[in-house]
Amino acid sequence: MSYPLQVLNRLKWGEGGLSGTVVTYVHRGGPDDLAMINGEEIAELGRSFFTVGQGRIPYHRILKIEKDGKVVFQA
């Protein structure tokens, strides 16, 4: 089983970067408590979270990762 950080690192470093990647995650207060972000918006992949702009999102909130329309991770 792969974890979200492993999948994102593989995409970033081994599969041409995060372009074409969409991450769906739990976002309390958002529509249906979900949010989606494009891989190009991810500034940093930390140990416990990824950084987007001024925010940090814990990996355990990630529900799905897609690359070029194909699901590569699903919780």
N, C-alpha and C. Protein backbone atom coordinates (compact mmCIF):
# COMPACT_ATOMS: atom_id res chain seq x y z
N MET A 1 0.84 -1.19 0.00
CA MET A 1 0.00 0.00 0.00
C MET A 1 0.88 1.25 0.00
N SER A 2 0.53 2.19 -0.82
CA SER A 2 1.25 3.47 -0.88
C SER A 2 0.51 4.51 -0.08
N TYR A 3 1.25 5.41 0.49
CA TYR A 3 0.69 6.53 1.24
C TYR A 3 0.74 7.78 0.37
N PRO A 4 -0.09 8.79 0.66
CA PRO A 4 -0.13 10.00 -0.18
C PRO A 4 1.25 10.65 -0.39
N LEU A 5 2.07 10.75 0.65
CA LEU A 5 3.39 11.36 0.48
C LEU A 5 4.23 10.56 -0.51
N GLN A 6 4.21 9.24 -0.41
CA GLN A 6 4.97 8.40 -1.33
C GLN A 6 4.50 8.60 -2.77
N VAL A 7 3.20 8.66 -2.96
CA VAL A 7 2.65 8.84 -4.30
C VAL A 7 3.04 10.20 -4.86
N LEU A 8 2.89 11.25 -4.06
CA LEU A 8 3.25 12.60 -4.54
C LEU A 8 4.74 12.70 -4.83
N ASN A 9 5.59 12.11 -4.00
CA ASN A 9 7.03 12.13 -4.26
C ASN A 9 7.36 11.39 -5.54
N ARG A 10 6.72 10.23 -5.75
CA ARG A 10 6.97 9.47 -6.98
C ARG A 10 6.57 10.29 -8.21
N LEU A 11 5.43 10.96 -8.14
CA LEU A 11 4.98 11.78 -9.26
C LEU A 11 5.92 12.96 -9.48
N LYS A 12 6.32 13.61 -8.40
CA LYS A 12 7.17 14.80 -8.49
C LYS A 12 8.55 14.48 -9.05
N TRP A 13 9.16 13.43 -8.53
CA TRP A 13 10.56 13.15 -8.86
C TRP A 13 10.74 12.08 -9.93
N GLY A 14 9.75 11.23 -10.14
CA GLY A 14 9.97 10.13 -11.07
C GLY A 14 9.05 10.09 -12.26
N GLU A 15 8.01 10.88 -12.24
CA GLU A 15 7.05 10.80 -13.34
C GLU A 15 6.75 12.17 -13.95
N GLY A 16 7.76 12.99 -14.06
CA GLY A 16 7.62 14.24 -14.78
C GLY A 16 7.04 15.41 -14.03
N GLY A 17 6.95 15.32 -12.72
CA GLY A 17 6.47 16.45 -11.94
C GLY A 17 4.99 16.35 -11.60
N LEU A 18 4.51 17.37 -10.92
CA LEU A 18 3.13 17.37 -10.43
C LEU A 18 2.15 18.01 -11.41
N SER A 19 2.64 18.44 -12.57
CA SER A 19 1.75 18.97 -13.59
C SER A 19 0.76 17.88 -14.02
N GLY A 20 -0.50 18.22 -14.12
CA GLY A 20 -1.53 17.26 -14.50
C GLY A 20 -2.06 16.46 -13.32
N THR A 21 -1.59 16.81 -12.11
CA THR A 21 -2.02 16.12 -10.89
C THR A 21 -3.12 16.92 -10.21
N VAL A 22 -4.14 16.23 -9.72
CA VAL A 22 -5.22 16.85 -8.94
C VAL A 22 -5.34 16.09 -7.63
N VAL A 23 -5.29 16.83 -6.52
CA VAL A 23 -5.41 16.24 -5.19
C VAL A 23 -6.75 16.65 -4.60
N THR A 24 -7.54 15.68 -4.19
CA THR A 24 -8.82 15.93 -3.52
C THR A 24 -8.62 15.62 -2.04
N TYR A 25 -9.01 16.57 -1.19
CA TYR A 25 -8.78 16.39 0.24
C TYR A 25 -9.94 16.95 1.05
N VAL A 26 -10.01 16.52 2.31
CA VAL A 26 -11.04 17.01 3.24
C VAL A 26 -10.72 18.45 3.59
N HIS A 27 -11.71 19.32 3.37
CA HIS A 27 -11.57 20.75 3.68
C HIS A 27 -12.81 21.18 4.45
N ARG A 28 -12.69 21.18 5.74
CA ARG A 28 -13.84 21.52 6.58
C ARG A 28 -14.37 22.90 6.24
N GLY A 29 -15.64 22.95 5.97
CA GLY A 29 -16.26 24.22 5.62
C GLY A 29 -16.41 24.42 4.13
N GLY A 30 -15.71 23.62 3.33
CA GLY A 30 -15.84 23.72 1.88
C GLY A 30 -17.09 22.99 1.41
N PRO A 31 -17.44 23.13 0.15
CA PRO A 31 -18.61 22.41 -0.37
C PRO A 31 -18.42 20.91 -0.17
N ASP A 32 -19.37 20.26 0.48
CA ASP A 32 -19.29 18.83 0.81
C ASP A 32 -18.05 18.49 1.64
N ASP A 33 -17.47 19.48 2.30
CA ASP A 33 -16.25 19.33 3.10
C ASP A 33 -15.08 18.79 2.28
N LEU A 34 -15.05 19.13 0.98
CA LEU A 34 -13.98 18.70 0.09
C LEU A 34 -13.38 19.89 -0.64
N ALA A 35 -12.13 19.73 -1.05
CA ALA A 35 -11.47 20.73 -1.90
C ALA A 35 -10.55 19.98 -2.85
N MET A 36 -10.26 20.62 -3.98
CA MET A 36 -9.34 20.04 -4.97
C MET A 36 -8.27 21.08 -5.27
N ILE A 37 -7.06 20.59 -5.48
CA ILE A 37 -5.97 21.48 -5.80
C ILE A 37 -5.13 20.86 -6.90
N ASN A 38 -4.63 21.69 -7.80
CA ASN A 38 -3.75 21.23 -8.87
C ASN A 38 -2.34 21.06 -8.33
N GLY A 39 -1.66 20.06 -8.82
CA GLY A 39 -0.30 19.77 -8.36
C GLY A 39 0.64 20.94 -8.50
N GLU A 40 0.44 21.77 -9.53
CA GLU A 40 1.31 22.93 -9.74
C GLU A 40 1.25 23.92 -8.58
N GLU A 41 0.16 23.86 -7.80
CA GLU A 41 -0.01 24.78 -6.68
C GLU A 41 0.69 24.30 -5.41
N ILE A 42 1.18 23.07 -5.40
CA ILE A 42 1.86 22.53 -4.22
C ILE A 42 3.28 23.08 -4.20
N ALA A 43 3.58 23.84 -3.13
CA ALA A 43 4.88 24.49 -3.02
C ALA A 43 5.94 23.58 -2.39
N GLU A 44 5.50 22.72 -1.46
CA GLU A 44 6.46 21.87 -0.75
C GLU A 44 5.78 20.61 -0.24
N LEU A 45 6.53 19.52 -0.27
CA LEU A 45 6.07 18.26 0.31
C LEU A 45 6.86 18.03 1.59
N GLY A 46 6.21 18.26 2.73
CA GLY A 46 6.88 18.07 4.02
C GLY A 46 6.66 16.66 4.54
N ARG A 47 7.11 16.40 5.76
CA ARG A 47 6.97 15.07 6.36
C ARG A 47 5.51 14.71 6.66
N SER A 48 4.78 15.66 7.20
CA SER A 48 3.41 15.37 7.65
C SER A 48 2.35 16.13 6.88
N PHE A 49 2.75 17.06 6.04
CA PHE A 49 1.80 17.92 5.33
C PHE A 49 2.42 18.43 4.05
N PHE A 50 1.57 18.94 3.15
CA PHE A 50 2.08 19.66 1.98
C PHE A 50 1.65 21.11 2.09
N THR A 51 2.44 21.97 1.49
CA THR A 51 2.23 23.41 1.59
C THR A 51 1.64 23.94 0.29
N VAL A 52 0.58 24.74 0.45
CA VAL A 52 -0.10 25.39 -0.66
C VAL A 52 -0.25 26.85 -0.29
N GLY A 53 0.41 27.74 -1.00
CA GLY A 53 0.34 29.15 -0.64
C GLY A 53 0.77 29.34 0.80
N GLN A 54 -0.11 29.91 1.60
CA GLN A 54 0.19 30.13 3.02
C GLN A 54 -0.33 29.00 3.91
N GLY A 55 -0.99 28.00 3.32
CA GLY A 55 -1.60 26.94 4.11
C GLY A 55 -0.82 25.64 4.08
N ARG A 56 -1.04 24.82 5.10
CA ARG A 56 -0.44 23.48 5.18
C ARG A 56 -1.56 22.47 5.35
N ILE A 57 -1.55 21.43 4.53
CA ILE A 57 -2.61 20.43 4.55
C ILE A 57 -1.99 19.09 4.93
N PRO A 58 -2.47 18.48 6.01
CA PRO A 58 -1.95 17.18 6.43
C PRO A 58 -2.27 16.09 5.40
N TYR A 59 -1.33 15.18 5.21
CA TYR A 59 -1.54 14.10 4.24
C TYR A 59 -2.73 13.22 4.60
N HIS A 60 -3.04 13.08 5.87
CA HIS A 60 -4.15 12.19 6.24
C HIS A 60 -5.51 12.72 5.76
N ARG A 61 -5.56 13.95 5.29
CA ARG A 61 -6.80 14.49 4.74
C ARG A 61 -6.98 14.19 3.27
N ILE A 62 -5.95 13.68 2.61
CA ILE A 62 -6.04 13.39 1.18
C ILE A 62 -6.93 12.17 0.96
N LEU A 63 -7.90 12.34 0.08
CA LEU A 63 -8.82 11.26 -0.26
C LEU A 63 -8.48 10.63 -1.60
N LYS A 64 -7.98 11.45 -2.54
CA LYS A 64 -7.72 10.94 -3.89
C LYS A 64 -6.63 11.77 -4.55
N ILE A 65 -5.79 11.08 -5.33
CA ILE A 65 -4.79 11.76 -6.16
C ILE A 65 -4.97 11.22 -7.57
N GLU A 66 -5.09 12.15 -8.52
CA GLU A 66 -5.22 11.78 -9.93
C GLU A 66 -4.07 12.37 -10.71
N LYS A 67 -3.59 11.63 -11.70
CA LYS A 67 -2.55 12.13 -12.59
C LYS A 67 -3.06 11.95 -14.01
N ASP A 68 -3.20 13.04 -14.74
CA ASP A 68 -3.70 13.02 -16.12
C ASP A 68 -5.02 12.25 -16.23
N GLY A 69 -5.91 12.48 -15.24
CA GLY A 69 -7.24 11.88 -15.27
C GLY A 69 -7.31 10.45 -14.73
N LYS A 70 -6.19 9.86 -14.37
CA LYS A 70 -6.16 8.49 -13.85
C LYS A 70 -5.95 8.52 -12.34
N VAL A 71 -6.77 7.78 -11.59
CA VAL A 71 -6.63 7.72 -10.14
C VAL A 71 -5.39 6.91 -9.79
N VAL A 72 -4.45 7.53 -9.05
CA VAL A 72 -3.22 6.85 -8.65
C VAL A 72 -3.18 6.60 -7.15
N PHE A 73 -4.11 7.21 -6.41
CA PHE A 73 -4.26 6.96 -4.99
C PHE A 73 -5.70 7.23 -4.60
N GLN A 74 -6.26 6.35 -3.77
CA GLN A 74 -7.59 6.57 -3.23
C GLN A 74 -7.62 6.01 -1.81
N ALA A 75 -8.09 6.83 -0.88
CA ALA A 75 -8.15 6.40 0.53
C ALA A 75 -9.32 5.47 0.74
